[in-house]
Amino acid sequence: KGNGPGQFGASLHDLAVDSADNLYAVGDQEVKVLSPDGKLLRRWSTAK
């Protein structure tokens, strides 16, 4: 929980992994993509 780029401020709803074992997390009206070692790779906003 927090305001940092790799944190969530209010919600964390779902997780997924891709074929390269990158982790996708959705919450706070945003998608965050983490590498297998936990490094934030990218993030983007969703409409809702």
PDB file of all heavy atoms in Angstrom:
ATOM      1  N   LYS A   1       0.831  -1.199   0.000  1.00  0.00           N
ATOM      2  CA  LYS A   1       0.000   0.000   0.000  1.00  0.00           C
ATOM      3  C   LYS A   1       0.865   1.248   0.000  1.00  0.00           C
ATOM      4  O   LYS A   1       1.793   1.387   0.793  1.00  0.00           O
ATOM      5  CB  LYS A   1      -0.929  -0.003   1.215  1.00  0.00           C
ATOM      6  CG  LYS A   1      -1.957   1.104   1.218  1.00  0.00           C
ATOM      7  CD  LYS A   1      -2.900   0.985   2.414  1.00  0.00           C
ATOM      8  CE  LYS A   1      -3.767  -0.252   2.302  1.00  0.00           C
ATOM      9  NZ  LYS A   1      -4.798  -0.303   3.372  1.00  0.00           N
ATOM     10  N   GLY A   2       0.550   2.173  -0.905  1.00  0.00           N
ATOM     11  CA  GLY A   2       1.303   3.416  -0.978  1.00  0.00           C
ATOM     12  C   GLY A   2       1.073   4.133  -2.289  1.00  0.00           C
ATOM     13  O   GLY A   2       0.279   3.692  -3.129  1.00  0.00           O
ATOM     14  N   ASN A   3       1.796   5.228  -2.475  1.00  0.00           N
ATOM     15  CA  ASN A   3       1.644   6.047  -3.676  1.00  0.00           C
ATOM     16  C   ASN A   3       2.769   5.873  -4.680  1.00  0.00           C
ATOM     17  O   ASN A   3       2.825   6.579  -5.688  1.00  0.00           O
ATOM     18  CB  ASN A   3       1.548   7.525  -3.278  1.00  0.00           C
ATOM     19  CG  ASN A   3       0.330   7.809  -2.417  1.00  0.00           C
ATOM     20  OD1 ASN A   3      -0.753   7.291  -2.679  1.00  0.00           O
ATOM     21  ND2 ASN A   3       0.513   8.619  -1.372  1.00  0.00           N
ATOM     22  N   GLY A   4       3.685   4.952  -4.418  1.00  0.00           N
ATOM     23  CA  GLY A   4       4.791   4.731  -5.333  1.00  0.00           C
ATOM     24  C   GLY A   4       4.337   4.072  -6.615  1.00  0.00           C
ATOM     25  O   GLY A   4       3.258   3.471  -6.682  1.00  0.00           O
ATOM     26  N   PRO A   5       5.142   4.140  -7.673  1.00  0.00           N
ATOM     27  CA  PRO A   5       4.751   3.568  -8.970  1.00  0.00           C
ATOM     28  C   PRO A   5       4.497   2.071  -8.915  1.00  0.00           C
ATOM     29  O   PRO A   5       3.700   1.542  -9.697  1.00  0.00           O
ATOM     30  CB  PRO A   5       5.927   3.913  -9.889  1.00  0.00           C
ATOM     31  CG  PRO A   5       7.050   4.263  -8.992  1.00  0.00           C
ATOM     32  CD  PRO A   5       6.452   4.807  -7.748  1.00  0.00           C
ATOM     33  N   GLY A   6       5.162   1.353  -8.014  1.00  0.00           N
ATOM     34  CA  GLY A   6       4.974  -0.085  -7.900  1.00  0.00           C
ATOM     35  C   GLY A   6       4.022  -0.496  -6.801  1.00  0.00           C
ATOM     36  O   GLY A   6       3.948  -1.676  -6.461  1.00  0.00           O
ATOM     37  N   GLN A   7       3.278   0.463  -6.253  1.00  0.00           N
ATOM     38  CA  GLN A   7       2.366   0.191  -5.149  1.00  0.00           C
ATOM     39  C   GLN A   7       0.919   0.439  -5.561  1.00  0.00           C
ATOM     40  O   GLN A   7       0.646   1.003  -6.630  1.00  0.00           O
ATOM     41  CB  GLN A   7       2.715   1.069  -3.941  1.00  0.00           C
ATOM     42  CG  GLN A   7       4.092   0.801  -3.358  1.00  0.00           C
ATOM     43  CD  GLN A   7       4.413   1.741  -2.214  1.00  0.00           C
ATOM     44  OE1 GLN A   7       4.366   2.962  -2.360  1.00  0.00           O
ATOM     45  NE2 GLN A   7       4.731   1.169  -1.067  1.00  0.00           N
ATOM     46  N   PHE A   8      -0.014   0.025  -4.690  1.00  0.00           N
ATOM     47  CA  PHE A   8      -1.434   0.267  -4.894  1.00  0.00           C
ATOM     48  C   PHE A   8      -1.967   1.115  -3.746  1.00  0.00           C
ATOM     49  O   PHE A   8      -1.620   0.898  -2.582  1.00  0.00           O
ATOM     50  CB  PHE A   8      -2.198  -1.043  -4.982  1.00  0.00           C
ATOM     51  CG  PHE A   8      -1.888  -1.837  -6.214  1.00  0.00           C
ATOM     52  CD1 PHE A   8      -0.899  -2.812  -6.206  1.00  0.00           C
ATOM     53  CD2 PHE A   8      -2.564  -1.597  -7.400  1.00  0.00           C
ATOM     54  CE1 PHE A   8      -0.596  -3.538  -7.345  1.00  0.00           C
ATOM     55  CE2 PHE A   8      -2.264  -2.314  -8.557  1.00  0.00           C
ATOM     56  CZ  PHE A   8      -1.279  -3.287  -8.528  1.00  0.00           C
ATOM     57  N   GLY A   9      -2.816   2.073  -4.093  1.00  0.00           N
ATOM     58  CA  GLY A   9      -3.319   2.983  -3.077  1.00  0.00           C
ATOM     59  C   GLY A   9      -4.591   2.530  -2.406  1.00  0.00           C
ATOM     60  O   GLY A   9      -4.797   2.783  -1.213  1.00  0.00           O
ATOM     61  N   ALA A  10      -5.471   1.836  -3.144  1.00  0.00           N
ATOM     62  CA  ALA A  10      -6.781   1.513  -2.579  1.00  0.00           C
ATOM     63  C   ALA A  10      -7.253   0.100  -2.885  1.00  0.00           C
ATOM     64  O   ALA A  10      -8.043  -0.446  -2.123  1.00  0.00           O
ATOM     65  CB  ALA A  10      -7.822   2.518  -3.078  1.00  0.00           C
ATOM     66  N   SER A  11      -6.811  -0.502  -3.987  1.00  0.00           N
ATOM     67  CA  SER A  11      -7.362  -1.813  -4.347  1.00  0.00           C
ATOM     68  C   SER A  11      -6.348  -2.635  -5.124  1.00  0.00           C
ATOM     69  O   SER A  11      -5.498  -2.103  -5.839  1.00  0.00           O
ATOM     70  CB  SER A  11      -8.633  -1.643  -5.189  1.00  0.00           C
ATOM     71  OG  SER A  11      -8.344  -1.025  -6.433  1.00  0.00           O
ATOM     72  N   LEU A  12      -6.454  -3.957  -4.962  1.00  0.00           N
ATOM     73  CA  LEU A  12      -5.670  -4.935  -5.718  1.00  0.00           C
ATOM     74  C   LEU A  12      -6.604  -6.112  -5.985  1.00  0.00           C
ATOM     75  O   LEU A  12      -6.937  -6.872  -5.078  1.00  0.00           O
ATOM     76  CB  LEU A  12      -4.448  -5.380  -4.918  1.00  0.00           C
ATOM     77  CG  LEU A  12      -3.611  -6.522  -5.491  1.00  0.00           C
ATOM     78  CD1 LEU A  12      -3.140  -6.234  -6.899  1.00  0.00           C
ATOM     79  CD2 LEU A  12      -2.432  -6.837  -4.570  1.00  0.00           C
ATOM     80  N   HIS A  13      -7.058  -6.260  -7.232  1.00  0.00           N
ATOM     81  CA  HIS A  13      -8.136  -7.192  -7.527  1.00  0.00           C
ATOM     82  C   HIS A  13      -7.713  -8.497  -8.187  1.00  0.00           C
ATOM     83  O   HIS A  13      -8.303  -9.539  -7.906  1.00  0.00           O
ATOM     84  CB  HIS A  13      -9.183  -6.513  -8.422  1.00  0.00           C
ATOM     85  CG  HIS A  13      -9.999  -5.489  -7.726  1.00  0.00           C
ATOM     86  ND1 HIS A  13     -10.841  -5.796  -6.677  1.00  0.00           N
ATOM     87  CD2 HIS A  13     -10.109  -4.145  -7.911  1.00  0.00           C
ATOM     88  CE1 HIS A  13     -11.449  -4.698  -6.254  1.00  0.00           C
ATOM     89  NE2 HIS A  13     -11.014  -3.680  -6.980  1.00  0.00           N
ATOM     90  N   ASP A  14      -6.746  -8.467  -9.096  1.00  0.00           N
ATOM     91  CA  ASP A  14      -6.468  -9.700  -9.824  1.00  0.00           C
ATOM     92  C   ASP A  14      -5.015  -9.770 -10.261  1.00  0.00           C
ATOM     93  O   ASP A  14      -4.316  -8.749 -10.347  1.00  0.00           O
ATOM     94  CB  ASP A  14      -7.386  -9.815 -11.045  1.00  0.00           C
ATOM     95  CG  ASP A  14      -7.516 -11.250 -11.539  1.00  0.00           C
ATOM     96  OD1 ASP A  14      -7.191 -12.184 -10.780  1.00  0.00           O
ATOM     97  OD2 ASP A  14      -7.942 -11.446 -12.689  1.00  0.00           O
ATOM     98  N   LEU A  15      -4.575 -11.020 -10.566  1.00  0.00           N
ATOM     99  CA  LEU A  15      -3.211 -11.303 -10.990  1.00  0.00           C
ATOM    100  C   LEU A  15      -3.230 -12.223 -12.203  1.00  0.00           C
ATOM    101  O   LEU A  15      -4.145 -13.029 -12.382  1.00  0.00           O
ATOM    102  CB  LEU A  15      -2.433 -12.002  -9.872  1.00  0.00           C
ATOM    103  CG  LEU A  15      -2.356 -11.311  -8.511  1.00  0.00           C
ATOM    104  CD1 LEU A  15      -1.682 -12.249  -7.506  1.00  0.00           C
ATOM    105  CD2 LEU A  15      -1.604 -10.003  -8.612  1.00  0.00           C
ATOM    106  N   ALA A  16      -2.197 -12.129 -13.029  1.00  0.00           N
ATOM    107  CA  ALA A  16      -2.011 -13.036 -14.159  1.00  0.00           C
ATOM    108  C   ALA A  16      -0.533 -13.123 -14.457  1.00  0.00           C
ATOM    109  O   ALA A  16       0.237 -12.210 -14.124  1.00  0.00           O
ATOM    110  CB  ALA A  16      -2.768 -12.538 -15.392  1.00  0.00           C
ATOM    111  N   VAL A  17      -0.120 -14.235 -15.083  1.00  0.00           N
ATOM    112  CA  VAL A  17       1.261 -14.350 -15.562  1.00  0.00           C
ATOM    113  C   VAL A  17       1.238 -14.632 -17.057  1.00  0.00           C
ATOM    114  O   VAL A  17       0.314 -15.258 -17.572  1.00  0.00           O
ATOM    115  CB  VAL A  17       2.035 -15.461 -14.822  1.00  0.00           C
ATOM    116  CG1 VAL A  17       2.252 -15.098 -13.368  1.00  0.00           C
ATOM    117  CG2 VAL A  17       1.325 -16.800 -14.941  1.00  0.00           C
ATOM    118  N   ASP A  18       2.252 -14.135 -17.767  1.00  0.00           N
ATOM    119  CA  ASP A  18       2.333 -14.390 -19.201  1.00  0.00           C
ATOM    120  C   ASP A  18       3.318 -15.519 -19.484  1.00  0.00           C
ATOM    121  O   ASP A  18       3.856 -16.150 -18.560  1.00  0.00           O
ATOM    122  CB  ASP A  18       2.674 -13.108 -19.966  1.00  0.00           C
ATOM    123  CG  ASP A  18       4.069 -12.567 -19.670  1.00  0.00           C
ATOM    124  OD1 ASP A  18       4.900 -13.294 -19.070  1.00  0.00           O
ATOM    125  OD2 ASP A  18       4.337 -11.399 -20.034  1.00  0.00           O
ATOM    126  N   SER A  19       3.572 -15.789 -20.750  1.00  0.00           N
ATOM    127  CA  SER A  19       4.421 -16.916 -21.136  1.00  0.00           C
ATOM    128  C   SER A  19       5.877 -16.724 -20.733  1.00  0.00           C
ATOM    129  O   SER A  19       6.645 -17.688 -20.694  1.00  0.00           O
ATOM    130  CB  SER A  19       4.325 -17.149 -22.642  1.00  0.00           C
ATOM    131  OG  SER A  19       4.734 -15.984 -23.352  1.00  0.00           O
ATOM    132  N   ALA A  20       6.277 -15.476 -20.419  1.00  0.00           N
ATOM    133  CA  ALA A  20       7.637 -15.204 -19.959  1.00  0.00           C
ATOM    134  C   ALA A  20       7.714 -15.091 -18.440  1.00  0.00           C
ATOM    135  O   ALA A  20       8.729 -14.659 -17.895  1.00  0.00           O
ATOM    136  CB  ALA A  20       8.156 -13.918 -20.606  1.00  0.00           C
ATOM    137  N   ASP A  21       6.627 -15.457 -17.755  1.00  0.00           N
ATOM    138  CA  ASP A  21       6.527 -15.403 -16.297  1.00  0.00           C
ATOM    139  C   ASP A  21       6.536 -13.987 -15.745  1.00  0.00           C
ATOM    140  O   ASP A  21       6.832 -13.771 -14.565  1.00  0.00           O
ATOM    141  CB  ASP A  21       7.624 -16.226 -15.619  1.00  0.00           C
ATOM    142  CG  ASP A  21       7.345 -17.719 -15.692  1.00  0.00           C
ATOM    143  OD1 ASP A  21       6.174 -18.078 -15.926  1.00  0.00           O
ATOM    144  OD2 ASP A  21       8.286 -18.516 -15.510  1.00  0.00           O
ATOM    145  N   ASN A  22       6.218 -12.992 -16.579  1.00  0.00           N
ATOM    146  CA  ASN A  22       5.975 -11.656 -16.051  1.00  0.00           C
ATOM    147  C   ASN A  22       4.625 -11.653 -15.347  1.00  0.00           C
ATOM    148  O   ASN A  22       3.684 -12.333 -15.766  1.00  0.00           O
ATOM    149  CB  ASN A  22       5.975 -10.613 -17.169  1.00  0.00           C
ATOM    150  CG  ASN A  22       7.327 -10.477 -17.816  1.00  0.00           C
ATOM    151  OD1 ASN A  22       8.347 -10.355 -17.152  1.00  0.00           O
ATOM    152  ND2 ASN A  22       7.352 -10.521 -19.146  1.00  0.00           N
ATOM    153  N   LEU A  23       4.525 -10.890 -14.270  1.00  0.00           N
ATOM    154  CA  LEU A  23       3.320 -10.847 -13.452  1.00  0.00           C
ATOM    155  C   LEU A  23       2.536  -9.574 -13.748  1.00  0.00           C
ATOM    156  O   LEU A  23       3.102  -8.476 -13.761  1.00  0.00           O
ATOM    157  CB  LEU A  23       3.696 -10.882 -11.968  1.00  0.00           C
ATOM    158  CG  LEU A  23       2.540 -10.797 -10.966  1.00  0.00           C
ATOM    159  CD1 LEU A  23       1.673 -12.046 -11.026  1.00  0.00           C
ATOM    160  CD2 LEU A  23       3.080 -10.570  -9.556  1.00  0.00           C
ATOM    161  N   TYR A  24       1.233  -9.725 -13.978  1.00  0.00           N
ATOM    162  CA  TYR A  24       0.337  -8.602 -14.227  1.00  0.00           C
ATOM    163  C   TYR A  24      -0.605  -8.467 -13.032  1.00  0.00           C
ATOM    164  O   TYR A  24      -1.213  -9.456 -12.600  1.00  0.00           O
ATOM    165  CB  TYR A  24      -0.483  -8.825 -15.500  1.00  0.00           C
ATOM    166  CG  TYR A  24       0.339  -8.816 -16.767  1.00  0.00           C
ATOM    167  CD1 TYR A  24       1.253  -9.839 -17.033  1.00  0.00           C
ATOM    168  CD2 TYR A  24       0.220  -7.794 -17.699  1.00  0.00           C
ATOM    169  CE1 TYR A  24       2.024  -9.838 -18.184  1.00  0.00           C
ATOM    170  CE2 TYR A  24       0.982  -7.785 -18.863  1.00  0.00           C
ATOM    171  CZ  TYR A  24       1.881  -8.808 -19.092  1.00  0.00           C
ATOM    172  OH  TYR A  24       2.640  -8.801 -20.235  1.00  0.00           O
ATOM    173  N   ALA A  25      -0.720  -7.249 -12.512  1.00  0.00           N
ATOM    174  CA  ALA A  25      -1.606  -6.988 -11.383  1.00  0.00           C
ATOM    175  C   ALA A  25      -2.515  -5.821 -11.735  1.00  0.00           C
ATOM    176  O   ALA A  25      -2.056  -4.817 -12.303  1.00  0.00           O
ATOM    177  CB  ALA A  25      -0.797  -6.658 -10.128  1.00  0.00           C
ATOM    178  N   VAL A  26      -3.794  -5.945 -11.411  1.00  0.00           N
ATOM    179  CA  VAL A  26      -4.744  -4.877 -11.705  1.00  0.00           C
ATOM    180  C   VAL A  26      -5.391  -4.389 -10.413  1.00  0.00           C
ATOM    181  O   VAL A  26      -5.776  -5.167  -9.555  1.00  0.00           O
ATOM    182  CB  VAL A  26      -5.808  -5.340 -12.731  1.00  0.00           C
ATOM    183  CG1 VAL A  26      -6.718  -6.410 -12.155  1.00  0.00           C
ATOM    184  CG2 VAL A  26      -6.628  -4.167 -13.238  1.00  0.00           C
ATOM    185  N   GLY A  27      -5.463  -3.072 -10.303  1.00  0.00           N
ATOM    186  CA  GLY A  27      -6.066  -2.408  -9.154  1.00  0.00           C
ATOM    187  C   GLY A  27      -5.884  -0.906  -9.320  1.00  0.00           C
ATOM    188  O   GLY A  27      -5.104  -0.455 -10.162  1.00  0.00           O
ATOM    189  N   ASP A  28      -6.638  -0.124  -8.548  1.00  0.00           N
ATOM    190  CA  ASP A  28      -6.492   1.341  -8.616  1.00  0.00           C
ATOM    191  C   ASP A  28      -6.685   1.896 -10.031  1.00  0.00           C
ATOM    192  O   ASP A  28      -6.066   2.901 -10.399  1.00  0.00           O
ATOM    193  CB  ASP A  28      -5.111   1.782  -8.126  1.00  0.00           C
ATOM    194  CG  ASP A  28      -4.967   1.705  -6.618  1.00  0.00           C
ATOM    195  OD1 ASP A  28      -5.960   1.417  -5.936  1.00  0.00           O
ATOM    196  OD2 ASP A  28      -3.845   1.920  -6.132  1.00  0.00           O
ATOM    197  N   GLN A  29      -7.486   1.238 -10.854  1.00  0.00           N
ATOM    198  CA  GLN A  29      -7.711   1.685 -12.232  1.00  0.00           C
ATOM    199  C   GLN A  29      -6.401   1.711 -13.016  1.00  0.00           C
ATOM    200  O   GLN A  29      -6.151   2.623 -13.816  1.00  0.00           O
ATOM    201  CB  GLN A  29      -8.397   3.062 -12.253  1.00  0.00           C
ATOM    202  CG  GLN A  29      -9.172   3.350 -13.528  1.00  0.00           C
ATOM    203  CD  GLN A  29     -10.155   4.501 -13.379  1.00  0.00           C
ATOM    204  OE1 GLN A  29     -10.714   4.727 -12.309  1.00  0.00           O
ATOM    205  NE2 GLN A  29     -10.360   5.238 -14.452  1.00  0.00           N
ATOM    206  N   GLU A  30      -5.573   0.679 -12.790  1.00  0.00           N
ATOM    207  CA  GLU A  30      -4.269   0.623 -13.430  1.00  0.00           C
ATOM    208  C   GLU A  30      -3.796  -0.822 -13.522  1.00  0.00           C
ATOM    209  O   GLU A  30      -4.128  -1.661 -12.679  1.00  0.00           O
ATOM    210  CB  GLU A  30      -3.260   1.441 -12.620  1.00  0.00           C
ATOM    211  CG  GLU A  30      -1.918   1.642 -13.297  1.00  0.00           C
ATOM    212  CD  GLU A  30      -1.031   2.604 -12.524  1.00  0.00           C
ATOM    213  OE1 GLU A  30      -0.908   2.439 -11.287  1.00  0.00           O
ATOM    214  OE2 GLU A  30      -0.453   3.512 -13.150  1.00  0.00           O
ATOM    215  N   VAL A  31      -3.013  -1.104 -14.565  1.00  0.00           N
ATOM    216  CA  VAL A  31      -2.324  -2.381 -14.716  1.00  0.00           C
ATOM    217  C   VAL A  31      -0.847  -2.158 -14.452  1.00  0.00           C
ATOM    218  O   VAL A  31      -0.243  -1.216 -14.994  1.00  0.00           O
ATOM    219  CB  VAL A  31      -2.514  -2.966 -16.130  1.00  0.00           C
ATOM    220  CG1 VAL A  31      -1.690  -4.246 -16.295  1.00  0.00           C
ATOM    221  CG2 VAL A  31      -3.980  -3.241 -16.413  1.00  0.00           C
ATOM    222  N   LYS A  32      -0.252  -3.013 -13.630  1.00  0.00           N
ATOM    223  CA  LYS A  32       1.189  -2.970 -13.383  1.00  0.00           C
ATOM    224  C   LYS A  32       1.778  -4.294 -13.815  1.00  0.00           C
ATOM    225  O   LYS A  32       1.223  -5.353 -13.530  1.00  0.00           O
ATOM    226  CB  LYS A  32       1.485  -2.725 -11.896  1.00  0.00           C
ATOM    227  CG  LYS A  32       0.917  -1.413 -11.357  1.00  0.00           C
ATOM    228  CD  LYS A  32       1.295  -1.215  -9.905  1.00  0.00           C
ATOM    229  CE  LYS A  32       0.497  -0.090  -9.258  1.00  0.00           C
ATOM    230  NZ  LYS A  32       0.784   1.226  -9.811  1.00  0.00           N
ATOM    231  N   VAL A  33       2.924  -4.235 -14.516  1.00  0.00           N
ATOM    232  CA  VAL A  33       3.608  -5.429 -15.004  1.00  0.00           C
ATOM    233  C   VAL A  33       4.949  -5.539 -14.298  1.00  0.00           C
ATOM    234  O   VAL A  33       5.761  -4.603 -14.331  1.00  0.00           O
ATOM    235  CB  VAL A  33       3.819  -5.382 -16.527  1.00  0.00           C
ATOM    236  CG1 VAL A  33       4.404  -6.700 -17.015  1.00  0.00           C
ATOM    237  CG2 VAL A  33       2.511  -5.073 -17.252  1.00  0.00           C
ATOM    238  N   LEU A  34       5.182  -6.691 -13.658  1.00  0.00           N
ATOM    239  CA  LEU A  34       6.407  -6.928 -12.907  1.00  0.00           C
ATOM    240  C   LEU A  34       7.190  -8.072 -13.542  1.00  0.00           C
ATOM    241  O   LEU A  34       6.609  -9.049 -14.022  1.00  0.00           O
ATOM    242  CB  LEU A  34       6.090  -7.284 -11.449  1.00  0.00           C
ATOM    243  CG  LEU A  34       5.170  -6.328 -10.682  1.00  0.00           C
ATOM    244  CD1 LEU A  34       4.862  -6.884  -9.311  1.00  0.00           C
ATOM    245  CD2 LEU A  34       5.810  -4.952 -10.572  1.00  0.00           C
ATOM    246  N   SER A  35       8.509  -7.967 -13.535  1.00  0.00           N
ATOM    247  CA  SER A  35       9.367  -9.031 -14.036  1.00  0.00           C
ATOM    248  C   SER A  35       9.351 -10.205 -13.054  1.00  0.00           C
ATOM    249  O   SER A  35       8.892 -10.070 -11.919  1.00  0.00           O
ATOM    250  CB  SER A  35      10.795  -8.504 -14.200  1.00  0.00           C
ATOM    251  OG  SER A  35      11.352  -8.228 -12.922  1.00  0.00           O
ATOM    252  N   PRO A  36       9.868 -11.375 -13.455  1.00  0.00           N
ATOM    253  CA  PRO A  36       9.896 -12.521 -12.541  1.00  0.00           C
ATOM    254  C   PRO A  36      10.641 -12.243 -11.236  1.00  0.00           C
ATOM    255  O   PRO A  36      10.353 -12.888 -10.223  1.00  0.00           O
ATOM    256  CB  PRO A  36      10.602 -13.603 -13.360  1.00  0.00           C
ATOM    257  CG  PRO A  36      10.273 -13.268 -14.775  1.00  0.00           C
ATOM    258  CD  PRO A  36      10.272 -11.762 -14.827  1.00  0.00           C
ATOM    259  N   ASP A  37      11.562 -11.292 -11.234  1.00  0.00           N
ATOM    260  CA  ASP A  37      12.251 -10.965  -9.987  1.00  0.00           C
ATOM    261  C   ASP A  37      11.602  -9.800  -9.243  1.00  0.00           C
ATOM    262  O   ASP A  37      12.151  -9.302  -8.260  1.00  0.00           O
ATOM    263  CB  ASP A  37      13.736 -10.672 -10.243  1.00  0.00           C
ATOM    264  CG  ASP A  37      13.961  -9.486 -11.186  1.00  0.00           C
ATOM    265  OD1 ASP A  37      12.966  -8.853 -11.604  1.00  0.00           O
ATOM    266  OD2 ASP A  37      15.128  -9.194 -11.504  1.00  0.00           O
ATOM    267  N   GLY A  38      10.444  -9.347  -9.710  1.00  0.00           N
ATOM    268  CA  GLY A  38       9.675  -8.343  -8.975  1.00  0.00           C
ATOM    269  C   GLY A  38       9.906  -6.911  -9.392  1.00  0.00           C
ATOM    270  O   GLY A  38       9.344  -5.992  -8.788  1.00  0.00           O
ATOM    271  N   LYS A  39      10.683  -6.668 -10.438  1.00  0.00           N
ATOM    272  CA  LYS A  39      10.945  -5.295 -10.889  1.00  0.00           C
ATOM    273  C   LYS A  39       9.766  -4.771 -11.708  1.00  0.00           C
ATOM    274  O   LYS A  39       9.226  -5.475 -12.561  1.00  0.00           O
ATOM    275  CB  LYS A  39      12.214  -5.267 -11.731  1.00  0.00           C
ATOM    276  CG  LYS A  39      12.564  -3.893 -12.284  1.00  0.00           C
ATOM    277  CD  LYS A  39      13.795  -3.953 -13.170  1.00  0.00           C
ATOM    278  CE  LYS A  39      14.117  -2.602 -13.791  1.00  0.00           C
ATOM    279  NZ  LYS A  39      15.303  -2.675 -14.686  1.00  0.00           N
ATOM    280  N   LEU A  40       9.338  -3.526 -11.442  1.00  0.00           N
ATOM    281  CA  LEU A  40       8.265  -2.919 -12.219  1.00  0.00           C
ATOM    282  C   LEU A  40       8.754  -2.634 -13.633  1.00  0.00           C
ATOM    283  O   LEU A  40       9.707  -1.880 -13.841  1.00  0.00           O
ATOM    284  CB  LEU A  40       7.796  -1.625 -11.555  1.00  0.00           C
ATOM    285  CG  LEU A  40       6.659  -0.879 -12.276  1.00  0.00           C
ATOM    286  CD1 LEU A  40       5.376  -1.705 -12.262  1.00  0.00           C
ATOM    287  CD2 LEU A  40       6.423   0.488 -11.634  1.00  0.00           C
ATOM    288  N   LEU A  41       8.095  -3.233 -14.626  1.00  0.00           N
ATOM    289  CA  LEU A  41       8.483  -3.065 -16.026  1.00  0.00           C
ATOM    290  C   LEU A  41       7.707  -1.948 -16.702  1.00  0.00           C
ATOM    291  O   LEU A  41       8.272  -1.154 -17.458  1.00  0.00           O
ATOM    292  CB  LEU A  41       8.254  -4.378 -16.788  1.00  0.00           C
ATOM    293  CG  LEU A  41       9.059  -5.582 -16.315  1.00  0.00           C
ATOM    294  CD1 LEU A  41       8.671  -6.820 -17.126  1.00  0.00           C
ATOM    295  CD2 LEU A  41      10.559  -5.315 -16.434  1.00  0.00           C
ATOM    296  N   ARG A  42       6.408  -1.888 -16.463  1.00  0.00           N
ATOM    297  CA  ARG A  42       5.562  -0.866 -17.062  1.00  0.00           C
ATOM    298  C   ARG A  42       4.225  -0.824 -16.331  1.00  0.00           C
ATOM    299  O   ARG A  42       3.879  -1.752 -15.601  1.00  0.00           O
ATOM    300  CB  ARG A  42       5.348  -1.111 -18.555  1.00  0.00           C
ATOM    301  CG  ARG A  42       4.846  -2.478 -18.920  1.00  0.00           C
ATOM    302  CD  ARG A  42       4.966  -2.737 -20.417  1.00  0.00           C
ATOM    303  NE  ARG A  42       4.609  -4.106 -20.773  1.00  0.00           N
ATOM    304  CZ  ARG A  42       5.458  -5.131 -20.730  1.00  0.00           C
ATOM    305  NH1 ARG A  42       6.722  -4.925 -20.361  1.00  0.00           N
ATOM    306  NH2 ARG A  42       5.069  -6.346 -21.080  1.00  0.00           N
ATOM    307  N   ARG A  43       3.482   0.226 -16.578  1.00  0.00           N
ATOM    308  CA  ARG A  43       2.166   0.401 -15.968  1.00  0.00           C
ATOM    309  C   ARG A  43       1.337   1.276 -16.879  1.00  0.00           C
ATOM    310  O   ARG A  43       1.874   2.087 -17.622  1.00  0.00           O
ATOM    311  CB  ARG A  43       2.296   1.040 -14.583  1.00  0.00           C
ATOM    312  CG  ARG A  43       3.118   2.317 -14.549  1.00  0.00           C
ATOM    313  CD  ARG A  43       3.527   2.698 -13.131  1.00  0.00           C
ATOM    314  NE  ARG A  43       2.462   3.351 -12.407  1.00  0.00           N
ATOM    315  CZ  ARG A  43       2.528   4.607 -11.939  1.00  0.00           C
ATOM    316  NH1 ARG A  43       3.610   5.343 -12.163  1.00  0.00           N
ATOM    317  NH2 ARG A  43       1.541   5.111 -11.269  1.00  0.00           N
ATOM    318  N   TRP A  44       0.036   1.085 -16.844  1.00  0.00           N
ATOM    319  CA  TRP A  44      -0.846   1.950 -17.629  1.00  0.00           C
ATOM    320  C   TRP A  44      -2.225   2.006 -16.987  1.00  0.00           C
ATOM    321  O   TRP A  44      -2.608   1.122 -16.225  1.00  0.00           O
ATOM    322  CB  TRP A  44      -0.921   1.492 -19.080  1.00  0.00           C
ATOM    323  CG  TRP A  44      -1.552   0.148 -19.320  1.00  0.00           C
ATOM    324  CD1 TRP A  44      -2.884  -0.130 -19.418  1.00  0.00           C
ATOM    325  CD2 TRP A  44      -0.873  -1.097 -19.516  1.00  0.00           C
ATOM    326  NE1 TRP A  44      -3.093  -1.461 -19.658  1.00  0.00           N
ATOM    327  CE2 TRP A  44      -1.874  -2.081 -19.738  1.00  0.00           C
ATOM    328  CE3 TRP A  44       0.468  -1.468 -19.547  1.00  0.00           C
ATOM    329  CZ2 TRP A  44      -1.554  -3.420 -19.955  1.00  0.00           C
ATOM    330  CZ3 TRP A  44       0.769  -2.796 -19.774  1.00  0.00           C
ATOM    331  CH2 TRP A  44      -0.222  -3.744 -19.975  1.00  0.00           C
ATOM    332  N   SER A  45      -2.953   3.050 -17.330  1.00  0.00           N
ATOM    333  CA  SER A  45      -4.283   3.271 -16.754  1.00  0.00           C
ATOM    334  C   SER A  45      -5.352   2.538 -17.562  1.00  0.00           C
ATOM    335  O   SER A  45      -5.195   2.276 -18.757  1.00  0.00           O
ATOM    336  CB  SER A  45      -4.603   4.767 -16.720  1.00  0.00           C
ATOM    337  OG  SER A  45      -3.689   5.467 -15.897  1.00  0.00           O
ATOM    338  N   THR A  46      -6.456   2.239 -16.890  1.00  0.00           N
ATOM    339  CA  THR A  46      -7.635   1.665 -17.534  1.00  0.00           C
ATOM    340  C   THR A  46      -8.779   2.675 -17.439  1.00  0.00           C
ATOM    341  O   THR A  46      -8.774   3.551 -16.576  1.00  0.00           O
ATOM    342  CB  THR A  46      -8.042   0.343 -16.865  1.00  0.00           C
ATOM    343  OG1 THR A  46      -8.266   0.556 -15.474  1.00  0.00           O
ATOM    344  CG2 THR A  46      -6.937  -0.697 -17.034  1.00  0.00           C
ATOM    345  N   ALA A  47      -9.770   2.517 -18.326  1.00  0.00           N
ATOM    346  CA  ALA A  47     -10.860   3.486 -18.370  1.00  0.00           C
ATOM    347  C   ALA A  47     -11.712   3.444 -17.114  1.00  0.00           C
ATOM    348  O   ALA A  47     -12.227   4.473 -16.658  1.00  0.00           O
ATOM    349  CB  ALA A  47     -11.734   3.234 -19.597  1.00  0.00           C
ATOM    350  N   LYS A  48     -11.872   2.253 -16.542  1.00  0.00           N
ATOM    351  CA  LYS A  48     -12.629   2.049 -15.316  1.00  0.00           C
ATOM    352  C   LYS A  48     -11.801   1.182 -14.380  1.00  0.00           C
ATOM    353  O   LYS A  48     -10.826   0.562 -14.813  1.00  0.00           O
ATOM    354  CB  LYS A  48     -13.962   1.351 -15.612  1.00  0.00           C
ATOM    355  CG  LYS A  48     -14.939   2.130 -16.470  1.00  0.00           C
ATOM    356  CD  LYS A  48     -16.225   1.317 -16.656  1.00  0.00           C
ATOM    357  CE  LYS A  48     -17.251   2.056 -17.489  1.00  0.00           C
ATOM    358  NZ  LYS A  48     -18.510   1.250 -17.631  1.00  0.00           N
TER     359      LYS A  48
END
